[in-house]
Amino acid sequence: MTEWRKSSYSPNGTDCVEIGRGVGLRDSKAPAAHIALGTDAWSAFLAAAKADKLAR
C-alpha cells in the first residue's frame, strides 16, 4: 500500500495535492485516481516548479 503525503502548501485538509512515493500525484477529493509519474518525470516537474517555469 502506498503512503500518500499532502502538500504543505495546501490551504486546508480537504483541498490537497498528494504525492505517493514511486506512484504519482492525486487530488485528495478523488483519491481513487492518480496521475502516474516516474522518478525522472517527478524530478523534471520539481525542477521546473523551483525555476518558476510552469505555465500559469
C-alpha atoms as a PDB file:
ATOM      1  CA  MET A   1       0.000   0.000   0.000  1.00  0.00           C
ATOM      2  CA  THR A   2       1.253   3.465  -0.881  1.00  0.00           C
ATOM      3  CA  GLU A   3       1.622   6.123   1.775  1.00  0.00           C
ATOM      4  CA  TRP A   4       0.297   9.419   0.408  1.00  0.00           C
ATOM      5  CA  ARG A   5       1.646  12.736   1.691  1.00  0.00           C
ATOM      6  CA  LYS A   6      -0.225  16.040   1.457  1.00  0.00           C
ATOM      7  CA  SER A   7       1.414  19.191   0.194  1.00  0.00           C
ATOM      8  CA  SER A   8       2.461  21.616   2.913  1.00  0.00           C
ATOM      9  CA  TYR A   9       1.171  24.399   0.630  1.00  0.00           C
ATOM     10  CA  SER A  10      -2.424  23.115   0.606  1.00  0.00           C
ATOM     11  CA  PRO A  11      -4.746  25.655   2.242  1.00  0.00           C
ATOM     12  CA  ASN A  12      -6.728  23.138   4.298  1.00  0.00           C
ATOM     13  CA  GLY A  13      -7.138  19.446   4.936  1.00  0.00           C
ATOM     14  CA  THR A  14      -9.673  18.777   2.176  1.00  0.00           C
ATOM     15  CA  ASP A  15      -8.362  20.514  -0.975  1.00  0.00           C
ATOM     16  CA  CYS A  16      -4.936  18.951  -1.258  1.00  0.00           C
ATOM     17  CA  VAL A  17      -2.476  17.677  -3.773  1.00  0.00           C
ATOM     18  CA  GLU A  18      -0.932  14.454  -2.509  1.00  0.00           C
ATOM     19  CA  ILE A  19       2.145  12.556  -3.635  1.00  0.00           C
ATOM     20  CA  GLY A  20       2.743   8.839  -3.321  1.00  0.00           C
ATOM     21  CA  ARG A  21       6.409   7.914  -3.411  1.00  0.00           C
ATOM     22  CA  GLY A  22       7.094   5.938  -6.566  1.00  0.00           C
ATOM     23  CA  VAL A  23       3.451   6.210  -7.653  1.00  0.00           C
ATOM     24  CA  GLY A  24       2.460   9.730  -8.626  1.00  0.00           C
ATOM     25  CA  LEU A  25       0.087  12.559  -7.756  1.00  0.00           C
ATOM     26  CA  ARG A  26      -3.557  12.630  -6.755  1.00  0.00           C
ATOM     27  CA  ASP A  27      -6.252  15.033  -5.629  1.00  0.00           C
ATOM     28  CA  SER A  28      -7.410  14.386  -2.057  1.00  0.00           C
ATOM     29  CA  LYS A  29     -11.022  14.892  -3.211  1.00  0.00           C
ATOM     30  CA  ALA A  30     -10.683  11.987  -5.679  1.00  0.00           C
ATOM     31  CA  PRO A  31      -8.224   9.567  -4.034  1.00  0.00           C
ATOM     32  CA  ALA A  32      -9.212   6.553  -6.138  1.00  0.00           C
ATOM     33  CA  ALA A  33      -7.474   8.016  -9.211  1.00  0.00           C
ATOM     34  CA  HIS A  34      -3.930   9.285  -9.597  1.00  0.00           C
ATOM     35  CA  ILE A  35      -1.500  10.510 -12.237  1.00  0.00           C
ATOM     36  CA  ALA A  36       1.377   8.077 -12.513  1.00  0.00           C
ATOM     37  CA  LEU A  37       4.800   9.741 -12.516  1.00  0.00           C
ATOM     38  CA  GLY A  38       8.171   8.072 -12.696  1.00  0.00           C
ATOM     39  CA  THR A  39      11.250   9.364 -10.920  1.00  0.00           C
ATOM     40  CA  ASP A  40      12.561  11.271 -13.969  1.00  0.00           C
ATOM     41  CA  ALA A  41       9.213  12.978 -14.616  1.00  0.00           C
ATOM     42  CA  TRP A  42       8.860  13.961 -10.945  1.00  0.00           C
ATOM     43  CA  SER A  43      12.404  15.377 -10.875  1.00  0.00           C
ATOM     44  CA  ALA A  44      11.721  17.389 -14.048  1.00  0.00           C
ATOM     45  CA  PHE A  45       8.455  18.719 -12.574  1.00  0.00           C
ATOM     46  CA  LEU A  46      10.169  19.812  -9.347  1.00  0.00           C
ATOM     47  CA  ALA A  47      12.999  21.491 -11.258  1.00  0.00           C
ATOM     48  CA  ALA A  48      10.517  23.421 -13.413  1.00  0.00           C
ATOM     49  CA  ALA A  49       8.464  24.458 -10.370  1.00  0.00           C
ATOM     50  CA  LYS A  50      11.547  25.644  -8.483  1.00  0.00           C
ATOM     51  CA  ALA A  51      12.672  27.633 -11.549  1.00  0.00           C
ATOM     52  CA  ASP A  52       9.161  29.150 -11.874  1.00  0.00           C
ATOM     53  CA  LYS A  53       8.819  27.747 -15.399  1.00  0.00           C
ATOM     54  CA  LEU A  54       5.332  26.252 -15.099  1.00  0.00           C
ATOM     55  CA  ALA A  55       2.504  27.753 -17.147  1.00  0.00           C
ATOM     56  CA  ARG A  56       0.033  29.833 -15.183  1.00  0.00           C
END
